[in-house]
């Protein structure tokens, strides 16, 4: 229940989710540190006529792919969902063993193992894939999966560039498959509640939003992914991970820090821009209904974390939208006590959400008595 300052209340309603099967797979969305699986209607495929169970494969099930995708779907299966986890594509042998052994222990299914994800996509019995690879692989793997007739759930960001994103959207439309990009907390009812009030004129003309992401720990530094001696060129298909043959990266010497902590390096991730900003801006876009910005400017740099990273530890981005609205997101990986409140401002008032995520309510700050 949302209680604005003026005493009015808005209520959210929920309905029972349909059983999970081939006909109503997929969307899996992260909420907080876990993934909450959302079920949406998928287009009926020819394969659904033969077998009503959804057969799912996993591409690059590392930190998110294993901790969120695999474990959440295993839990759903144990609760009666008509899904089977049948294949894993992974370039790191130890991670492949970890994921496959877990699936077998929890479900009794021994997944097929692949190094090259293309070999997995060639299996016509697989209905859908979950993609959890580093950012630089997302576009090509989403496109390849859609063209192979698979439904797709991909970790954010969808792509690293606008041009890549437009390509993905075109292929998605052309193939008619179901696709979702997972962004933590975006499926929370609070954003739908805000959107309903905004559409109803509660704020008047929406003028802008502000949001943030402040951290000050090894989490913010993306150094919490452990480096192990077992990470070697013998256990990791390094050239394939880089994507040299796919034209995604140069052939650089093996570096386990780059492999495990790739978010610190531009060729593979984009630091806070694609790992963190996407959480906040996606929620704001959902609440306001804004789409593409007309102009974007940004500034930032590496001001404290002078290690081998090449992504900023402080940054601010401002976007002007064609709707006559401005968005601001500011972040630092070196301070978290001075966080600003996430806010949507309009001519008649503002919605204030506080900071962080997983909001259950927000406040309405009226500009004048209502």
Protein backbone atom coordinates (compact mmCIF):
# COMPACT_ATOMS: atom_id res chain seq x y z
CA UNK A 1 0.00 0.00 0.00
CA UNK A 2 1.34 3.44 -0.94
CA UNK A 3 0.49 6.34 1.34
CA UNK A 4 1.23 9.80 -0.10
CA UNK A 5 1.60 12.78 2.27
CA UNK A 6 -1.85 14.08 1.45
CA UNK A 7 -3.44 11.00 3.05
CA UNK A 8 -4.74 9.28 -0.05
CA UNK A 9 -3.84 5.66 -0.57
CA UNK A 10 -3.26 3.41 -3.52
CA UNK A 11 -3.46 -0.35 -3.34
CA UNK A 12 -1.80 -2.97 -5.48
CA UNK A 13 -3.62 -6.16 -6.39
CA UNK A 14 -2.16 -9.53 -7.22
CA UNK A 15 -3.51 -12.53 -9.05
CA UNK A 16 -2.52 -16.16 -8.87
CA UNK A 17 0.22 -17.09 -11.33
CA UNK A 18 -0.62 -19.70 -13.95
CA UNK A 19 1.27 -22.99 -13.93
CA UNK A 20 4.60 -22.80 -15.70
CA UNK A 21 4.68 -24.66 -18.98
CA UNK A 22 5.86 -24.17 -22.54
CA UNK A 23 2.89 -21.95 -23.27
CA UNK A 24 3.49 -19.41 -20.52
CA UNK A 25 7.26 -19.27 -20.20
CA UNK A 26 9.26 -16.91 -19.65
CA UNK A 27 10.36 -14.00 -17.86
CA UNK A 28 12.79 -14.26 -15.00
CA UNK A 29 13.54 -11.05 -13.19
CA UNK A 30 16.00 -10.32 -10.38
CA UNK A 31 14.70 -8.70 -7.20
CA UNK A 32 17.31 -7.70 -4.66
CA UNK A 33 20.01 -10.33 -4.29
CA UNK A 34 17.81 -13.13 -5.56
CA UNK A 35 15.93 -13.75 -8.76
CA UNK A 36 12.15 -13.72 -8.56
CA UNK A 37 10.75 -15.52 -11.55
CA UNK A 38 7.94 -13.79 -13.39
CA UNK A 39 5.73 -15.82 -15.68
CA UNK A 40 4.36 -14.26 -18.83
CA UNK A 41 2.49 -15.62 -21.81
CA UNK A 42 4.77 -16.88 -24.56
CA UNK A 43 3.78 -17.51 -28.09
CA UNK A 44 2.83 -21.13 -28.70
CA UNK A 45 5.56 -22.97 -30.59
CA UNK A 46 5.26 -26.04 -32.76
CA UNK A 47 7.36 -28.00 -30.29
CA UNK A 48 4.78 -27.36 -27.60
CA UNK A 49 2.40 -29.74 -29.30
CA UNK A 50 4.64 -32.71 -28.55
CA UNK A 51 5.72 -31.97 -25.00
CA UNK A 52 4.37 -29.45 -22.53
CA UNK A 53 7.56 -29.22 -20.47
CA UNK A 54 9.93 -26.31 -21.07
CA UNK A 55 13.49 -27.46 -21.71
CA UNK A 56 15.99 -24.79 -20.69
CA UNK A 57 19.68 -24.37 -21.44
CA UNK A 58 22.16 -22.01 -19.77
CA UNK A 59 24.88 -20.00 -21.49
CA UNK A 60 27.67 -18.79 -19.21
CA UNK A 61 26.10 -19.58 -15.81
CA UNK A 62 28.64 -17.80 -13.61
CA UNK A 63 27.81 -15.56 -10.65
CA UNK A 64 24.37 -14.42 -11.81
CA UNK A 65 23.71 -17.29 -14.17
CA UNK A 66 24.22 -19.89 -11.46
CA UNK A 67 23.27 -17.98 -8.32
CA UNK A 68 20.11 -16.50 -9.80
CA UNK A 69 19.01 -18.25 -13.00
CA UNK A 70 19.86 -21.88 -12.25
CA UNK A 71 19.00 -21.89 -8.56
CA UNK A 72 15.72 -20.04 -9.05
CA UNK A 73 14.57 -22.36 -11.81
CA UNK A 74 15.56 -25.42 -9.78
CA UNK A 75 13.41 -24.06 -6.96
CA UNK A 76 10.49 -23.45 -9.30
CA UNK A 77 10.80 -26.97 -10.65
CA UNK A 78 10.68 -28.37 -7.11
CA UNK A 79 7.46 -26.41 -6.60
CA UNK A 80 5.83 -28.04 -9.60
CA UNK A 81 6.83 -25.90 -12.56
CA UNK A 82 6.85 -27.87 -15.83
CA UNK A 83 10.48 -27.10 -16.61
CA UNK A 84 13.64 -29.14 -17.07
CA UNK A 85 17.19 -27.80 -16.89
CA UNK A 86 18.81 -29.78 -19.67
CA UNK A 87 21.99 -28.09 -20.95
CA UNK A 88 24.93 -25.95 -19.86
CA UNK A 89 27.43 -24.08 -22.04
CA UNK A 90 30.45 -22.92 -20.05
CA UNK A 91 34.08 -22.15 -20.96
CA UNK A 92 35.43 -22.72 -17.42
CA UNK A 93 35.61 -26.41 -16.58
CA UNK A 94 35.29 -25.97 -12.80
CA UNK A 95 32.19 -23.81 -13.20
CA UNK A 96 30.67 -26.27 -15.66
CA UNK A 97 31.14 -29.08 -13.14
CA UNK A 98 29.72 -26.97 -10.31
CA UNK A 99 26.57 -26.05 -12.21
CA UNK A 100 25.92 -29.45 -13.78
CA UNK A 101 26.55 -31.32 -10.54
CA UNK A 102 24.12 -29.01 -8.73
CA UNK A 103 21.39 -29.50 -11.32
CA UNK A 104 21.83 -33.28 -11.22
CA UNK A 105 21.80 -33.40 -7.42
CA UNK A 106 18.68 -31.23 -7.17
CA UNK A 107 16.63 -32.50 -10.11
CA UNK A 108 18.05 -35.86 -11.14
CA UNK A 109 18.74 -34.47 -14.63
CA UNK A 110 22.30 -34.73 -15.92
CA UNK A 111 22.54 -31.72 -18.26
CA UNK A 112 24.31 -31.93 -21.58
CA UNK A 113 27.63 -30.09 -21.46
CA UNK A 114 28.91 -27.71 -24.11
CA UNK A 115 31.84 -25.35 -24.48
CA UNK A 116 30.58 -23.70 -27.68
CA UNK A 117 27.11 -22.27 -27.10
CA UNK A 118 26.35 -22.65 -30.81
CA UNK A 119 26.38 -26.41 -30.37
CA UNK A 120 23.74 -26.07 -27.67
CA UNK A 121 21.59 -23.78 -29.83
CA UNK A 122 21.65 -26.44 -32.55
CA UNK A 123 19.67 -28.77 -30.26
CA UNK A 124 16.07 -28.42 -31.43
CA UNK A 125 14.74 -29.99 -28.24
CA UNK A 126 15.79 -26.94 -26.20
CA UNK A 127 13.02 -24.34 -25.95
CA UNK A 128 14.67 -21.48 -24.11
CA UNK A 129 18.04 -20.24 -22.90
CA UNK A 130 19.21 -18.10 -20.00
CA UNK A 131 22.25 -15.96 -20.82
CA UNK A 132 24.60 -14.93 -18.01
CA UNK A 133 27.84 -14.20 -19.87
CA UNK A 134 29.89 -10.97 -19.64
CA UNK A 135 28.35 -7.92 -21.28
CA UNK A 136 30.36 -8.01 -24.50
CA UNK A 137 28.77 -11.34 -25.46
CA UNK A 138 25.13 -10.38 -24.91
CA UNK A 139 24.16 -9.03 -28.32
CA UNK A 140 25.56 -11.86 -30.41
CA UNK A 141 24.30 -14.61 -28.09
CA UNK A 142 20.80 -13.13 -27.84
CA UNK A 143 20.62 -12.75 -31.62
CA UNK A 144 21.97 -16.25 -32.25
CA UNK A 145 19.52 -17.76 -29.75
CA UNK A 146 16.52 -15.95 -31.22
CA UNK A 147 17.49 -16.97 -34.74
CA UNK A 148 17.82 -20.56 -33.51
CA UNK A 149 14.19 -20.40 -32.41
CA UNK A 150 14.85 -20.17 -28.67
CA UNK A 151 13.03 -17.98 -26.19
CA UNK A 152 15.59 -15.86 -24.31
CA UNK A 153 16.11 -14.57 -20.80
CA UNK A 154 19.28 -12.47 -20.66
CA UNK A 155 20.97 -10.70 -17.81
CA UNK A 156 21.21 -6.95 -18.11
CA UNK A 157 22.49 -5.05 -19.93
CA UNK A 158 20.88 -6.21 -23.15
CA UNK A 159 23.86 -4.79 -25.06
CA UNK A 160 26.83 -2.44 -24.65
CA UNK A 161 25.76 0.06 -27.32
CA UNK A 162 22.59 1.59 -28.75
CA UNK A 163 23.36 0.18 -32.19
CA UNK A 164 23.60 -3.33 -30.76
CA UNK A 165 20.32 -2.84 -28.90
CA UNK A 166 18.50 -1.81 -32.06
CA UNK A 167 19.84 -4.91 -33.78
CA UNK A 168 18.54 -7.15 -30.99
CA UNK A 169 15.10 -5.55 -31.08
CA UNK A 170 14.88 -6.04 -34.84
CA UNK A 171 15.80 -9.73 -34.61
CA UNK A 172 13.38 -10.23 -31.71
CA UNK A 173 10.54 -8.77 -33.76
CA UNK A 174 11.52 -10.75 -36.84
CA UNK A 175 11.70 -14.09 -35.02
CA UNK A 176 8.58 -13.76 -32.88
CA UNK A 177 10.31 -15.33 -29.89
CA UNK A 178 9.79 -14.28 -26.28
CA UNK A 179 12.66 -12.32 -24.76
CA UNK A 180 13.25 -10.54 -21.47
CA UNK A 181 16.23 -8.69 -20.07
CA UNK A 182 16.52 -9.19 -16.32
CA UNK A 183 16.90 -6.06 -14.18
CA UNK A 184 16.74 -6.29 -10.41
CA UNK A 185 13.65 -4.88 -8.67
CA UNK A 186 11.98 -3.63 -11.86
CA UNK A 187 9.11 -6.09 -11.42
CA UNK A 188 8.18 -4.64 -8.02
CA UNK A 189 4.57 -3.35 -7.84
CA UNK A 190 5.76 0.06 -6.62
CA UNK A 191 6.81 1.13 -10.12
CA UNK A 192 3.43 0.16 -11.58
CA UNK A 193 1.72 2.08 -8.80
CA UNK A 194 3.78 5.17 -9.56
CA UNK A 195 3.06 4.83 -13.29
CA UNK A 196 -0.68 4.59 -12.67
CA UNK A 197 -0.65 7.76 -10.57
CA UNK A 198 1.51 9.62 -13.08
CA UNK A 199 -0.77 8.60 -15.94
CA UNK A 200 -3.69 9.84 -13.85
CA UNK A 201 -2.11 13.28 -13.53
CA UNK A 202 -1.03 13.13 -9.89
CA UNK A 203 2.27 14.89 -10.57
CA UNK A 204 1.06 17.08 -13.40
CA UNK A 205 3.70 17.59 -16.05
CA UNK A 206 6.65 15.29 -15.23
CA UNK A 207 9.82 17.38 -15.30
CA UNK A 208 12.52 14.94 -14.32
CA UNK A 209 13.87 12.16 -12.18
CA UNK A 210 17.00 11.66 -10.14
CA UNK A 211 18.52 8.40 -9.01
CA UNK A 212 21.78 7.06 -7.65
CA UNK A 213 24.04 4.13 -6.89
CA UNK A 214 26.58 4.60 -4.08
CA UNK A 215 28.91 1.90 -2.79
CA UNK A 216 32.06 1.87 -0.67
CA UNK A 217 33.35 -1.68 -0.36
CA UNK A 218 34.85 -4.50 -2.37
CA UNK A 219 31.33 -4.98 -3.78
CA UNK A 220 31.54 -1.56 -5.37
CA UNK A 221 35.01 -2.38 -6.58
CA UNK A 222 33.77 -5.60 -8.24
CA UNK A 223 36.59 -7.41 -6.45
CA UNK A 224 34.30 -9.79 -4.55
CA UNK A 225 34.59 -12.42 -7.28
CA UNK A 226 37.31 -14.67 -5.93
CA UNK A 227 40.46 -15.42 -7.89
CA UNK A 228 41.54 -19.06 -7.59
CA UNK A 229 44.60 -21.01 -8.63
CA UNK A 230 42.35 -23.29 -10.63
CA UNK A 231 41.66 -20.42 -13.05
CA UNK A 232 44.28 -21.15 -15.69
CA UNK A 233 44.52 -21.33 -19.50
CA UNK A 234 44.16 -25.09 -19.12
CA UNK A 235 40.81 -24.88 -17.32
CA UNK A 236 39.38 -21.84 -19.13
CA UNK A 237 38.94 -21.58 -22.88
CA UNK A 238 40.42 -18.08 -22.79
CA UNK A 239 40.25 -17.27 -26.49
CA UNK A 240 36.60 -18.29 -26.59
CA UNK A 241 35.82 -16.28 -23.44
CA UNK A 242 37.41 -13.21 -25.00
CA UNK A 243 35.45 -13.70 -28.20
CA UNK A 244 38.45 -13.22 -30.47
CA UNK A 245 37.07 -15.33 -33.31
CA UNK A 246 33.70 -13.57 -33.01
CA UNK A 247 35.39 -10.19 -33.36
CA UNK A 248 34.45 -9.13 -29.83
CA UNK A 249 37.89 -8.55 -28.32
CA UNK A 250 41.60 -8.62 -29.00
CA UNK A 251 43.66 -11.69 -28.14
CA UNK A 252 45.28 -10.59 -24.88
CA UNK A 253 47.37 -12.72 -22.47
CA UNK A 254 45.45 -14.76 -19.92
CA UNK A 255 44.55 -12.80 -16.78
CA UNK A 256 42.40 -14.40 -14.10
CA UNK A 257 41.50 -10.97 -12.69
CA UNK A 258 40.09 -9.93 -16.06
CA UNK A 259 38.20 -13.22 -16.27
CA UNK A 260 36.65 -13.10 -12.79
CA UNK A 261 36.34 -9.32 -12.37
CA UNK A 262 35.57 -8.30 -15.95
CA UNK A 263 33.20 -5.51 -14.88
CA UNK A 264 36.30 -3.42 -14.16
CA UNK A 265 37.39 -3.40 -17.81
CA UNK A 266 35.75 -1.58 -20.73
CA UNK A 267 36.16 -4.27 -23.41
CA UNK A 268 34.09 -6.77 -21.41
CA UNK A 269 31.86 -4.68 -19.13
CA UNK A 270 31.25 -0.98 -18.62
CA UNK A 271 31.61 -0.61 -14.87
CA UNK A 272 28.80 1.15 -13.10
CA UNK A 273 27.16 2.19 -16.37
CA UNK A 274 25.98 -1.25 -17.44
CA UNK A 275 26.18 -3.05 -14.10
CA UNK A 276 24.48 -0.52 -11.82
CA UNK A 277 22.96 2.45 -13.66
CA UNK A 278 20.74 0.04 -15.58
CA UNK A 279 18.97 -0.97 -12.35
CA UNK A 280 17.98 2.56 -11.45
CA UNK A 281 17.21 3.98 -14.88
CA UNK A 282 15.08 1.01 -15.95
CA UNK A 283 12.86 1.45 -12.90
CA UNK A 284 12.52 5.17 -13.59
CA UNK A 285 11.65 4.57 -17.23
CA UNK A 286 9.02 2.04 -16.19
CA UNK A 287 7.46 4.48 -13.72
CA UNK A 288 7.50 7.51 -16.01
CA UNK A 289 6.89 5.88 -19.38
CA UNK A 290 9.89 7.65 -20.90
CA UNK A 291 11.75 5.94 -23.73
CA UNK A 292 14.83 7.00 -25.69
CA UNK A 293 16.59 10.20 -24.61
CA UNK A 294 17.27 12.86 -27.23
CA UNK A 295 20.57 13.89 -25.68
CA UNK A 296 22.88 12.36 -23.08
CA UNK A 297 25.97 13.81 -21.43
CA UNK A 298 28.22 12.26 -18.83
CA UNK A 299 31.34 12.88 -16.79
CA UNK A 300 33.47 10.89 -14.42
CA UNK A 301 36.83 9.31 -13.84
CA UNK A 302 39.02 7.06 -11.73
CA UNK A 303 39.64 9.20 -8.66
CA UNK A 304 40.50 6.66 -5.97
CA UNK A 305 40.59 3.06 -7.23
CA UNK A 306 43.94 3.32 -8.95
CA UNK A 307 44.38 -0.39 -9.62
CA UNK A 308 44.29 -2.03 -13.04
CA UNK A 309 40.67 -1.08 -13.77
CA UNK A 310 39.83 1.31 -16.58
CA UNK A 311 36.19 2.10 -15.70
CA UNK A 312 35.29 5.15 -13.55
CA UNK A 313 34.74 4.99 -9.81
CA UNK A 314 32.80 8.29 -9.88
CA UNK A 315 30.35 9.25 -12.63
CA UNK A 316 27.25 11.29 -13.40
CA UNK A 317 24.96 11.03 -16.43
CA UNK A 318 22.24 13.48 -17.47
CA UNK A 319 19.66 12.70 -20.17
CA UNK A 320 17.17 15.01 -21.89
CA UNK A 321 14.06 13.29 -23.24
CA UNK A 322 11.89 14.35 -26.15
CA UNK A 323 8.90 14.39 -23.79
CA UNK A 324 10.38 17.49 -22.15
CA UNK A 325 11.87 15.78 -19.15
CA UNK A 326 15.35 15.31 -17.70
CA UNK A 327 16.88 12.33 -15.93
CA UNK A 328 19.94 12.37 -13.70
CA UNK A 329 21.89 9.48 -12.25
CA UNK A 330 24.98 9.93 -10.14
CA UNK A 331 27.17 7.29 -8.54
CA UNK A 332 30.40 6.56 -6.79
CA UNK A 333 32.06 3.35 -5.75
CA UNK A 334 33.96 5.16 -2.97
CA UNK A 335 31.25 6.61 -0.69
CA UNK A 336 27.82 5.42 0.42
CA UNK A 337 26.78 7.58 3.39
CA UNK A 338 25.75 10.59 1.31
CA UNK A 339 23.26 8.85 -0.97
CA UNK A 340 20.58 11.00 -2.56
CA UNK A 341 16.92 10.04 -2.59
CA UNK A 342 15.47 8.60 -5.77
CA UNK A 343 12.79 11.01 -6.89
CA UNK A 344 10.38 11.69 -9.76
CA UNK A 345 9.46 15.39 -9.98
CA UNK A 346 6.39 16.95 -11.55
CA UNK A 347 4.78 20.39 -11.63
CA UNK A 348 2.25 19.41 -8.94
CA UNK A 349 4.57 17.42 -6.69
CA UNK A 350 7.11 14.64 -6.46
CA UNK A 351 7.31 10.94 -5.67
CA UNK A 352 10.17 10.20 -3.29
CA UNK A 353 11.38 6.60 -3.03
CA UNK A 354 14.40 6.93 -0.74
CA UNK A 355 17.60 5.19 -1.78
CA UNK A 356 18.53 1.61 -2.53
CA UNK A 357 16.01 -0.74 -4.13
CA UNK A 358 13.24 -3.21 -3.23
CA UNK A 359 10.89 -0.35 -2.37
CA UNK A 360 7.44 -1.23 -1.05
CA UNK A 361 6.12 2.32 -0.91
CA UNK A 362 6.90 5.92 -1.73
CA UNK A 363 5.88 9.39 -0.55
CA UNK A 364 4.02 12.09 -2.44
CA UNK A 365 5.39 15.57 -1.79
CA UNK A 366 2.77 18.09 -2.88
CA UNK A 367 3.81 21.43 -4.33
CA UNK A 368 0.55 22.99 -3.17
CA UNK A 369 -2.51 21.84 -1.17
CA UNK A 370 -4.60 19.23 -2.97
